[in-house]
Amino acid sequence: MLTILPFLALAATALAAPAAEQPAPALTVPAAPPSAPPAATSSSVPNPSQVTINSISYGGTGCPQGSVGSFISADRLTFTLIFDSFVASIGPGVPVTASRINCQLNINLQYPSGFQYSVLGTDFRGYAGLDAGITGVQSANYYFSGSQAQAATSTTFKGPMSGDYLISDKIPFTSTIWSPCGAALPLNVNSQVRLTSSKSAASGLMTQDSIDGKVTFVVGVQWQAWQSINCFLDSVDCFARPDKGGGLWWTWQCCKDRLSGWSLRGGL
């Protein structure tokens, strides 16, 4: 996913909670297991009117101050960031520093207590013009402030190629990260594009979309509710969600002090 992108968009999508007829199995720890999350109802996701972006800060060679715009959709489930300067290039006479660009985003999303969200994947649109011998790598890292857990995506382009591109990255379920329960901490997105060359005379460019001069970068997020139970004999905030495997396995995550946490797995 080359990011000679000048347009970043983040889209939030609600995730339906698992049906109640698939109860979570008991944990083999001294804790009273909570009941399974409810079936998909209006309480499965935040009230759209209560989800909004408080602030967005950014910095990097691909997004100098004043070069990024943003908006949130009417249903408040999609927000878009628009870049004007996310362009990488390489070739004779081009400064070495132009071959690698990045943008660090800090997104403060406000939403009701009792919910968490996670990054599902990204969509990149743009234009890539690469001579033979030019390789471009677009990568993105996602993490929440105060958390060491990260999710990452990466795509490689090899020349010769010329044209628009649309690529969708999906973050594996096992790599999904969740915002801390009980605290609405910022989501950080570090996107980078790097061009390299194996031929001294070759050139390459990752730039704006050929239609609107922008590039969109869409991040999907999913929601889940969490509840308080007694875990390890301490009262902490926990949630249960179906793990990969059709609901037969569940992951229980207990967030001590509402910021740090651990996960336990139990299943049938």
C-alpha atoms as a PDB file:
ATOM      1  CA  MET A   1       0.000   0.000   0.000  1.00  0.00           C
ATOM      2  CA  LEU A   2       1.908   2.865  -1.121  1.00  0.00           C
ATOM      3  CA  THR A   3       1.097   5.942   0.682  1.00  0.00           C
ATOM      4  CA  ILE A   4       1.873   8.702  -1.435  1.00  0.00           C
ATOM      5  CA  LEU A   5      -1.343   9.537  -0.049  1.00  0.00           C
ATOM      6  CA  PRO A   6      -2.781  12.770   0.438  1.00  0.00           C
ATOM      7  CA  PHE A   7      -6.076  11.752   1.934  1.00  0.00           C
ATOM      8  CA  LEU A   8      -6.783   9.670   4.960  1.00  0.00           C
ATOM      9  CA  ALA A   9     -10.223   8.506   5.962  1.00  0.00           C
ATOM     10  CA  LEU A  10     -11.322   6.549   8.980  1.00  0.00           C
ATOM     11  CA  ALA A  11     -14.638   4.706   8.978  1.00  0.00           C
ATOM     12  CA  ALA A  12     -16.267   3.310  12.094  1.00  0.00           C
ATOM     13  CA  THR A  13     -18.641   0.381  11.742  1.00  0.00           C
ATOM     14  CA  ALA A  14     -20.738  -1.138  14.491  1.00  0.00           C
ATOM     15  CA  LEU A  15     -20.183  -4.773  15.373  1.00  0.00           C
ATOM     16  CA  ALA A  16     -23.193  -6.817  16.420  1.00  0.00           C
ATOM     17  CA  ALA A  17     -22.725  -8.616  19.729  1.00  0.00           C
ATOM     18  CA  PRO A  18     -23.000 -12.431  19.695  1.00  0.00           C
ATOM     19  CA  ALA A  19     -26.385 -14.034  20.243  1.00  0.00           C
ATOM     20  CA  ALA A  20     -27.316 -14.774  23.839  1.00  0.00           C
ATOM     21  CA  GLU A  21     -27.964 -18.438  23.073  1.00  0.00           C
ATOM     22  CA  GLN A  22     -24.184 -18.959  22.855  1.00  0.00           C
ATOM     23  CA  PRO A  23     -23.226 -18.505  26.530  1.00  0.00           C
ATOM     24  CA  ALA A  24     -19.603 -18.083  27.474  1.00  0.00           C
ATOM     25  CA  PRO A  25     -18.081 -21.029  29.368  1.00  0.00           C
ATOM     26  CA  ALA A  26     -16.877 -20.634  32.921  1.00  0.00           C
ATOM     27  CA  LEU A  27     -13.282 -19.645  33.533  1.00  0.00           C
ATOM     28  CA  THR A  28     -10.898 -21.823  35.475  1.00  0.00           C
ATOM     29  CA  VAL A  29     -10.028 -18.952  37.793  1.00  0.00           C
ATOM     30  CA  PRO A  30     -11.553 -17.889  41.106  1.00  0.00           C
ATOM     31  CA  ALA A  31     -14.028 -15.556  39.485  1.00  0.00           C
ATOM     32  CA  ALA A  32     -17.748 -15.541  38.861  1.00  0.00           C
ATOM     33  CA  PRO A  33     -18.169 -15.666  35.062  1.00  0.00           C
ATOM     34  CA  PRO A  34     -20.477 -13.047  33.575  1.00  0.00           C
ATOM     35  CA  SER A  35     -23.317 -13.960  31.290  1.00  0.00           C
ATOM     36  CA  ALA A  36     -22.822 -13.882  27.555  1.00  0.00           C
ATOM     37  CA  PRO A  37     -23.129 -10.501  25.873  1.00  0.00           C
ATOM     38  CA  PRO A  38     -26.656  -9.690  24.710  1.00  0.00           C
ATOM     39  CA  ALA A  39     -27.918 -10.189  21.203  1.00  0.00           C
ATOM     40  CA  ALA A  40     -27.505  -7.283  18.815  1.00  0.00           C
ATOM     41  CA  THR A  41     -29.711  -4.463  20.096  1.00  0.00           C
ATOM     42  CA  SER A  42     -29.462  -0.714  20.358  1.00  0.00           C
ATOM     43  CA  SER A  43     -27.329  -1.266  23.475  1.00  0.00           C
ATOM     44  CA  SER A  44     -24.771  -3.301  21.496  1.00  0.00           C
ATOM     45  CA  VAL A  45     -23.246  -0.129  20.090  1.00  0.00           C
ATOM     46  CA  PRO A  46     -22.996   3.440  21.365  1.00  0.00           C
ATOM     47  CA  ASN A  47     -25.748   5.908  20.572  1.00  0.00           C
ATOM     48  CA  PRO A  48     -24.446   7.534  17.359  1.00  0.00           C
ATOM     49  CA  SER A  49     -25.255  10.976  18.744  1.00  0.00           C
ATOM     50  CA  GLN A  50     -22.786  10.311  21.567  1.00  0.00           C
ATOM     51  CA  VAL A  51     -19.855   9.390  19.319  1.00  0.00           C
ATOM     52  CA  THR A  52     -17.768  12.278  18.115  1.00  0.00           C
ATOM     53  CA  ILE A  53     -14.195  13.388  17.503  1.00  0.00           C
ATOM     54  CA  ASN A  54     -12.906  15.707  20.205  1.00  0.00           C
ATOM     55  CA  SER A  55      -9.639  16.542  18.486  1.00  0.00           C
ATOM     56  CA  ILE A  56      -7.102  15.322  15.946  1.00  0.00           C
ATOM     57  CA  SER A  57      -3.432  16.178  16.139  1.00  0.00           C
ATOM     58  CA  TYR A  58      -0.797  15.187  13.605  1.00  0.00           C
ATOM     59  CA  GLY A  59       2.798  15.633  12.610  1.00  0.00           C
ATOM     60  CA  GLY A  60       5.355  14.247  10.194  1.00  0.00           C
ATOM     61  CA  THR A  61       6.942  14.789   6.809  1.00  0.00           C
ATOM     62  CA  GLY A  62       3.754  13.613   5.096  1.00  0.00           C
ATOM     63  CA  CYS A  63       1.444  15.900   7.045  1.00  0.00           C
ATOM     64  CA  PRO A  64       2.960  19.274   7.923  1.00  0.00           C
ATOM     65  CA  GLN A  65       0.798  21.534  10.067  1.00  0.00           C
ATOM     66  CA  GLY A  66      -2.133  23.013   8.161  1.00  0.00           C
ATOM     67  CA  SER A  67      -2.137  20.272   5.513  1.00  0.00           C
ATOM     68  CA  VAL A  68      -4.771  17.955   7.017  1.00  0.00           C
ATOM     69  CA  GLY A  69      -8.538  18.402   7.006  1.00  0.00           C
ATOM     70  CA  SER A  70     -11.184  16.263   8.717  1.00  0.00           C
ATOM     71  CA  PHE A  71     -14.933  15.699   8.953  1.00  0.00           C
ATOM     72  CA  ILE A  72     -17.319  13.311  10.644  1.00  0.00           C
ATOM     73  CA  SER A  73     -20.313  11.812   8.857  1.00  0.00           C
ATOM     74  CA  ALA A  74     -23.921  12.635   9.745  1.00  0.00           C
ATOM     75  CA  ASP A  75     -24.376   9.240  11.406  1.00  0.00           C
ATOM     76  CA  ARG A  76     -21.160   9.853  13.364  1.00  0.00           C
ATOM     77  CA  LEU A  77     -19.842   6.427  12.410  1.00  0.00           C
ATOM     78  CA  THR A  78     -17.342   7.645   9.811  1.00  0.00           C
ATOM     79  CA  PHE A  79     -14.610  10.229  10.079  1.00  0.00           C
ATOM     80  CA  THR A  80     -12.272  11.317   7.327  1.00  0.00           C
ATOM     81  CA  LEU A  81      -8.850  12.907   7.333  1.00  0.00           C
ATOM     82  CA  ILE A  82      -7.680  14.626   4.162  1.00  0.00           C
ATOM     83  CA  PHE A  83      -3.980  15.010   3.389  1.00  0.00           C
ATOM     84  CA  ASP A  84      -2.576  17.543   0.944  1.00  0.00           C
ATOM     85  CA  SER A  85       1.136  16.744   1.211  1.00  0.00           C
ATOM     86  CA  PHE A  86       1.476  12.967   1.541  1.00  0.00           C
ATOM     87  CA  VAL A  87       3.764  12.374  -1.452  1.00  0.00           C
ATOM     88  CA  ALA A  88       6.904  10.239  -1.733  1.00  0.00           C
ATOM     89  CA  SER A  89       9.345  10.249  -4.660  1.00  0.00           C
ATOM     90  CA  ILE A  90      12.700   8.836  -5.664  1.00  0.00           C
ATOM     91  CA  GLY A  91      15.070   9.197  -8.605  1.00  0.00           C
ATOM     92  CA  PRO A  92      17.997  11.196 -10.035  1.00  0.00           C
ATOM     93  CA  GLY A  93      18.138  14.648  -8.484  1.00  0.00           C
ATOM     94  CA  VAL A  94      15.490  13.854  -5.863  1.00  0.00           C
ATOM     95  CA  PRO A  95      16.583  14.350  -2.230  1.00  0.00           C
ATOM     96  CA  VAL A  96      17.015  11.111  -0.322  1.00  0.00           C
ATOM     97  CA  THR A  97      14.667  12.404   2.367  1.00  0.00           C
ATOM     98  CA  ALA A  98      11.811  12.517  -0.171  1.00  0.00           C
ATOM     99  CA  SER A  99      11.839   8.730  -0.526  1.00  0.00           C
ATOM    100  CA  ARG A 100      10.456   8.138   2.963  1.00  0.00           C
ATOM    101  CA  ILE A 101       7.514  10.014   4.451  1.00  0.00           C
ATOM    102  CA  ASN A 102       5.298   9.437   7.426  1.00  0.00           C
ATOM    103  CA  CYS A 103       2.430  10.884   9.391  1.00  0.00           C
ATOM    104  CA  GLN A 104       1.688  10.320  13.072  1.00  0.00           C
ATOM    105  CA  LEU A 105      -1.985  10.856  13.923  1.00  0.00           C
ATOM    106  CA  ASN A 106      -3.488  11.184  17.393  1.00  0.00           C
ATOM    107  CA  ILE A 107      -7.274  10.832  17.317  1.00  0.00           C
ATOM    108  CA  ASN A 108      -9.368  11.624  20.389  1.00  0.00           C
ATOM    109  CA  LEU A 109     -12.718   9.917  19.968  1.00  0.00           C
ATOM    110  CA  GLN A 110     -15.446  10.644  22.527  1.00  0.00           C
ATOM    111  CA  TYR A 111     -17.975   7.899  23.237  1.00  0.00           C
ATOM    112  CA  PRO A 112     -20.126   6.672  26.146  1.00  0.00           C
ATOM    113  CA  SER A 113     -18.563   4.789  29.042  1.00  0.00           C
ATOM    114  CA  GLY A 114     -19.079   1.041  28.929  1.00  0.00           C
ATOM    115  CA  PHE A 115     -17.879   0.642  25.337  1.00  0.00           C
ATOM    116  CA  GLN A 116     -14.618  -0.100  23.564  1.00  0.00           C
ATOM    117  CA  TYR A 117     -13.591  -0.016  19.926  1.00  0.00           C
ATOM    118  CA  SER A 118     -10.872  -1.604  17.809  1.00  0.00           C
ATOM    119  CA  VAL A 119      -9.322  -1.154  14.387  1.00  0.00           C
ATOM    120  CA  LEU A 120     -10.541  -3.648  11.779  1.00  0.00           C
ATOM    121  CA  GLY A 121      -8.587  -2.690   8.684  1.00  0.00           C
ATOM    122  CA  THR A 122      -7.647  -0.017   6.194  1.00  0.00           C
ATOM    123  CA  ASP A 123      -8.446   0.938   2.612  1.00  0.00           C
ATOM    124  CA  PHE A 124      -5.915   2.855   0.534  1.00  0.00           C
ATOM    125  CA  ARG A 125      -6.582   4.660  -2.743  1.00  0.00           C
ATOM    126  CA  GLY A 126      -3.984   6.468  -4.760  1.00  0.00           C
ATOM    127  CA  TYR A 127      -1.696   6.578  -7.753  1.00  0.00           C
ATOM    128  CA  ALA A 128       1.664   4.843  -8.134  1.00  0.00           C
ATOM    129  CA  GLY A 129       4.132   5.401 -10.940  1.00  0.00           C
ATOM    130  CA  LEU A 130       7.220   3.227 -10.506  1.00  0.00           C
ATOM    131  CA  ASP A 131       9.995   2.418 -12.969  1.00  0.00           C
ATOM    132  CA  ALA A 132      11.511  -1.051 -13.111  1.00  0.00           C
ATOM    133  CA  GLY A 133      13.801  -1.437 -10.124  1.00  0.00           C
ATOM    134  CA  ILE A 134      11.685   0.745  -7.822  1.00  0.00           C
ATOM    135  CA  THR A 135       9.995  -0.817  -4.783  1.00  0.00           C
ATOM    136  CA  GLY A 136       7.498   0.927  -2.574  1.00  0.00           C
ATOM    137  CA  VAL A 137       6.341  -0.198   0.868  1.00  0.00           C
ATOM    138  CA  GLN A 138       3.390   1.314   2.693  1.00  0.00           C
ATOM    139  CA  SER A 139       2.985   0.415   6.343  1.00  0.00           C
ATOM    140  CA  ALA A 140       0.747   1.497   9.187  1.00  0.00           C
ATOM    141  CA  ASN A 141       0.850   0.876  12.931  1.00  0.00           C
ATOM    142  CA  TYR A 142      -2.151   1.293  15.233  1.00  0.00           C
ATOM    143  CA  TYR A 143      -2.078   1.562  19.005  1.00  0.00           C
ATOM    144  CA  PHE A 144      -3.849   3.257  21.885  1.00  0.00           C
ATOM    145  CA  SER A 145      -2.072   5.690  24.172  1.00  0.00           C
ATOM    146  CA  GLY A 146      -0.915   3.963  27.322  1.00  0.00           C
ATOM    147  CA  SER A 147      -0.964   0.510  25.719  1.00  0.00           C
ATOM    148  CA  GLN A 148       1.931  -1.568  24.395  1.00  0.00           C
ATOM    149  CA  ALA A 149      -0.302  -3.655  22.112  1.00  0.00           C
ATOM    150  CA  GLN A 150      -0.112  -2.734  18.428  1.00  0.00           C
ATOM    151  CA  ALA A 151      -1.638  -3.824  15.143  1.00  0.00           C
ATOM    152  CA  ALA A 152       0.198  -3.365  11.850  1.00  0.00           C
ATOM    153  CA  THR A 153      -0.381  -3.630   8.114  1.00  0.00           C
ATOM    154  CA  SER A 154       2.064  -3.507   5.209  1.00  0.00           C
ATOM    155  CA  THR A 155       1.876  -3.701   1.409  1.00  0.00           C
ATOM    156  CA  THR A 156       4.659  -3.805  -1.187  1.00  0.00           C
ATOM    157  CA  PHE A 157       4.556  -2.418  -4.738  1.00  0.00           C
ATOM    158  CA  LYS A 158       7.181  -3.277  -7.368  1.00  0.00           C
ATOM    159  CA  GLY A 159       7.846  -1.444 -10.618  1.00  0.00           C
ATOM    160  CA  PRO A 160       7.295  -1.189 -13.417  1.00  0.00           C
ATOM    161  CA  MET A 161       3.747  -0.030 -12.761  1.00  0.00           C
ATOM    162  CA  SER A 162       1.647   3.030 -13.411  1.00  0.00           C
ATOM    163  CA  GLY A 163      -1.950   3.680 -12.451  1.00  0.00           C
ATOM    164  CA  ASP A 164      -4.514   4.092  -9.711  1.00  0.00           C
ATOM    165  CA  TYR A 165      -4.737   1.540  -6.948  1.00  0.00           C
ATOM    166  CA  LEU A 166      -7.267   0.470  -4.338  1.00  0.00           C
ATOM    167  CA  ILE A 167      -6.133  -1.950  -1.660  1.00  0.00           C
ATOM    168  CA  SER A 168      -7.968  -3.155   1.423  1.00  0.00           C
ATOM    169  CA  ASP A 169      -5.994  -4.402   4.407  1.00  0.00           C
ATOM    170  CA  LYS A 170      -7.735  -6.477   7.038  1.00  0.00           C
ATOM    171  CA  ILE A 171      -6.199  -6.817  10.471  1.00  0.00           C
ATOM    172  CA  PRO A 172      -6.384 -10.487  11.588  1.00  0.00           C
ATOM    173  CA  PHE A 173      -8.798 -11.175  14.420  1.00  0.00           C
ATOM    174  CA  THR A 174      -5.955 -12.434  16.593  1.00  0.00           C
ATOM    175  CA  SER A 175      -4.105  -9.134  16.091  1.00  0.00           C
ATOM    176  CA  THR A 176      -7.044  -6.898  16.934  1.00  0.00           C
ATOM    177  CA  ILE A 177      -6.363  -4.312  19.620  1.00  0.00           C
ATOM    178  CA  TRP A 178      -9.051  -2.772  21.834  1.00  0.00           C
ATOM    179  CA  SER A 179      -9.199   0.625  23.444  1.00  0.00           C
ATOM    180  CA  PRO A 180      -8.820   0.396  27.235  1.00  0.00           C
ATOM    181  CA  CYS A 181     -12.097  -0.292  29.005  1.00  0.00           C
ATOM    182  CA  GLY A 182     -13.231   2.477  31.286  1.00  0.00           C
ATOM    183  CA  ALA A 183     -11.065   5.134  29.619  1.00  0.00           C
ATOM    184  CA  ALA A 184     -11.440   6.882  26.249  1.00  0.00           C
ATOM    185  CA  LEU A 185      -7.764   7.130  25.325  1.00  0.00           C
ATOM    186  CA  PRO A 186      -6.524   8.416  21.937  1.00  0.00           C
ATOM    187  CA  LEU A 187      -6.041   6.135  18.948  1.00  0.00           C
ATOM    188  CA  ASN A 188      -2.629   6.597  17.334  1.00  0.00           C
ATOM    189  CA  VAL A 189      -2.009   5.827  13.671  1.00  0.00           C
ATOM    190  CA  ASN A 190       1.516   5.979  12.256  1.00  0.00           C
ATOM    191  CA  SER A 191       1.449   5.641   8.473  1.00  0.00           C
ATOM    192  CA  GLN A 192       4.658   5.485   6.419  1.00  0.00           C
ATOM    193  CA  VAL A 193       5.659   5.141   2.762  1.00  0.00           C
ATOM    194  CA  ARG A 194       9.171   4.145   1.711  1.00  0.00           C
ATOM    195  CA  LEU A 195      10.592   3.950  -1.816  1.00  0.00           C
ATOM    196  CA  THR A 196      13.841   2.161  -2.679  1.00  0.00           C
ATOM    197  CA  SER A 197      15.681   1.670  -5.958  1.00  0.00           C
ATOM    198  CA  SER A 198      17.991  -0.995  -7.345  1.00  0.00           C
ATOM    199  CA  LYS A 199      18.760   1.081 -10.460  1.00  0.00           C
ATOM    200  CA  SER A 200      20.441   4.468 -10.239  1.00  0.00           C
ATOM    201  CA  ALA A 201      18.546   5.923 -13.213  1.00  0.00           C
ATOM    202  CA  ALA A 202      15.087   4.708 -12.166  1.00  0.00           C
ATOM    203  CA  SER A 203      12.386   7.001 -10.779  1.00  0.00           C
ATOM    204  CA  GLY A 204       9.250   6.486  -8.738  1.00  0.00           C
ATOM    205  CA  LEU A 205       6.333   8.463  -7.375  1.00  0.00           C
ATOM    206  CA  MET A 206       3.402   7.748  -5.086  1.00  0.00           C
ATOM    207  CA  THR A 207       0.965  10.586  -5.297  1.00  0.00           C
ATOM    208  CA  GLN A 208      -2.596  11.824  -5.246  1.00  0.00           C
ATOM    209  CA  ASP A 209      -5.676  10.098  -6.663  1.00  0.00           C
ATOM    210  CA  SER A 210      -6.166  10.819 -10.332  1.00  0.00           C
ATOM    211  CA  ILE A 211      -9.817  11.846  -9.836  1.00  0.00           C
ATOM    212  CA  ASP A 212      -9.935  14.156  -6.838  1.00  0.00           C
ATOM    213  CA  GLY A 213      -6.285  14.691  -6.075  1.00  0.00           C
ATOM    214  CA  LYS A 214      -6.608  12.997  -2.749  1.00  0.00           C
ATOM    215  CA  VAL A 215      -6.024   9.537  -1.385  1.00  0.00           C
ATOM    216  CA  THR A 216      -8.373   7.909   1.084  1.00  0.00           C
ATOM    217  CA  PHE A 217      -7.232   5.745   3.910  1.00  0.00           C
ATOM    218  CA  VAL A 218     -10.225   4.153   5.642  1.00  0.00           C
ATOM    219  CA  VAL A 219     -10.029   2.598   9.062  1.00  0.00           C
ATOM    220  CA  GLY A 220     -12.916   0.429  10.184  1.00  0.00           C
ATOM    221  CA  VAL A 221     -13.617   0.018  13.862  1.00  0.00           C
ATOM    222  CA  GLN A 222     -15.869  -2.294  15.808  1.00  0.00           C
ATOM    223  CA  TRP A 223     -17.600  -1.770  19.159  1.00  0.00           C
ATOM    224  CA  GLN A 224     -18.215  -3.985  22.141  1.00  0.00           C
ATOM    225  CA  ALA A 225     -19.691  -3.533  25.604  1.00  0.00           C
ATOM    226  CA  TRP A 226     -17.813  -4.452  28.770  1.00  0.00           C
ATOM    227  CA  GLN A 227     -19.091  -5.228  32.237  1.00  0.00           C
ATOM    228  CA  SER A 228     -17.749  -5.396  35.777  1.00  0.00           C
ATOM    229  CA  ILE A 229     -17.260  -8.768  37.490  1.00  0.00           C
ATOM    230  CA  ASN A 230     -15.090 -10.202  40.228  1.00  0.00           C
ATOM    231  CA  CYS A 231     -11.894 -11.382  38.580  1.00  0.00           C
ATOM    232  CA  PHE A 232      -9.053 -12.922  40.539  1.00  0.00           C
ATOM    233  CA  LEU A 233     -10.934 -11.918  43.680  1.00  0.00           C
ATOM    234  CA  ASP A 234     -10.557  -8.249  42.748  1.00  0.00           C
ATOM    235  CA  SER A 235     -13.332  -6.075  41.403  1.00  0.00           C
ATOM    236  CA  VAL A 236     -12.132  -4.916  38.006  1.00  0.00           C
ATOM    237  CA  ASP A 237     -13.715  -3.984  34.711  1.00  0.00           C
ATOM    238  CA  CYS A 238     -13.998  -6.901  32.313  1.00  0.00           C
ATOM    239  CA  PHE A 239     -15.652  -7.852  29.092  1.00  0.00           C
ATOM    240  CA  ALA A 240     -16.301 -11.071  27.226  1.00  0.00           C
ATOM    241  CA  ARG A 241     -16.293 -11.453  23.479  1.00  0.00           C
ATOM    242  CA  PRO A 242     -16.475 -14.427  21.101  1.00  0.00           C
ATOM    243  CA  ASP A 243     -13.051 -15.527  20.021  1.00  0.00           C
ATOM    244  CA  LYS A 244     -12.175 -16.862  16.586  1.00  0.00           C
ATOM    245  CA  GLY A 245     -13.934 -20.168  16.194  1.00  0.00           C
ATOM    246  CA  GLY A 246     -17.628 -19.486  15.781  1.00  0.00           C
ATOM    247  CA  GLY A 247     -18.377 -18.528  19.360  1.00  0.00           C
ATOM    248  CA  LEU A 248     -17.180 -21.765  20.990  1.00  0.00           C
ATOM    249  CA  TRP A 249     -14.219 -19.968  22.485  1.00  0.00           C
ATOM    250  CA  TRP A 250     -14.374 -16.754  24.430  1.00  0.00           C
ATOM    251  CA  THR A 251     -11.745 -14.302  25.536  1.00  0.00           C
ATOM    252  CA  TRP A 252     -12.144 -12.662  28.936  1.00  0.00           C
ATOM    253  CA  GLN A 253     -10.119  -9.519  29.360  1.00  0.00           C
ATOM    254  CA  CYS A 254      -9.895  -7.972  32.803  1.00  0.00           C
ATOM    255  CA  CYS A 255      -8.662  -4.415  32.885  1.00  0.00           C
ATOM    256  CA  LYS A 256      -7.106  -3.702  36.227  1.00  0.00           C
ATOM    257  CA  ASP A 257      -7.183  -0.003  37.095  1.00  0.00           C
ATOM    258  CA  ARG A 258      -9.004   0.394  33.773  1.00  0.00           C
ATOM    259  CA  LEU A 259      -5.765   0.906  31.868  1.00  0.00           C
ATOM    260  CA  SER A 260      -3.721  -2.281  31.891  1.00  0.00           C
ATOM    261  CA  GLY A 261      -5.096  -5.744  31.395  1.00  0.00           C
ATOM    262  CA  TRP A 262      -4.643  -9.414  30.708  1.00  0.00           C
ATOM    263  CA  SER A 263      -6.566 -12.016  28.760  1.00  0.00           C
ATOM    264  CA  LEU A 264      -7.693 -15.522  29.643  1.00  0.00           C
ATOM    265  CA  ARG A 265      -9.257 -18.031  27.295  1.00  0.00           C
ATOM    266  CA  GLY A 266     -11.812 -20.668  28.075  1.00  0.00           C
ATOM    267  CA  GLY A 267     -14.053 -22.716  25.854  1.00  0.00           C
ATOM    268  CA  LEU A 268     -16.103 -25.805  25.273  1.00  0.00           C
END
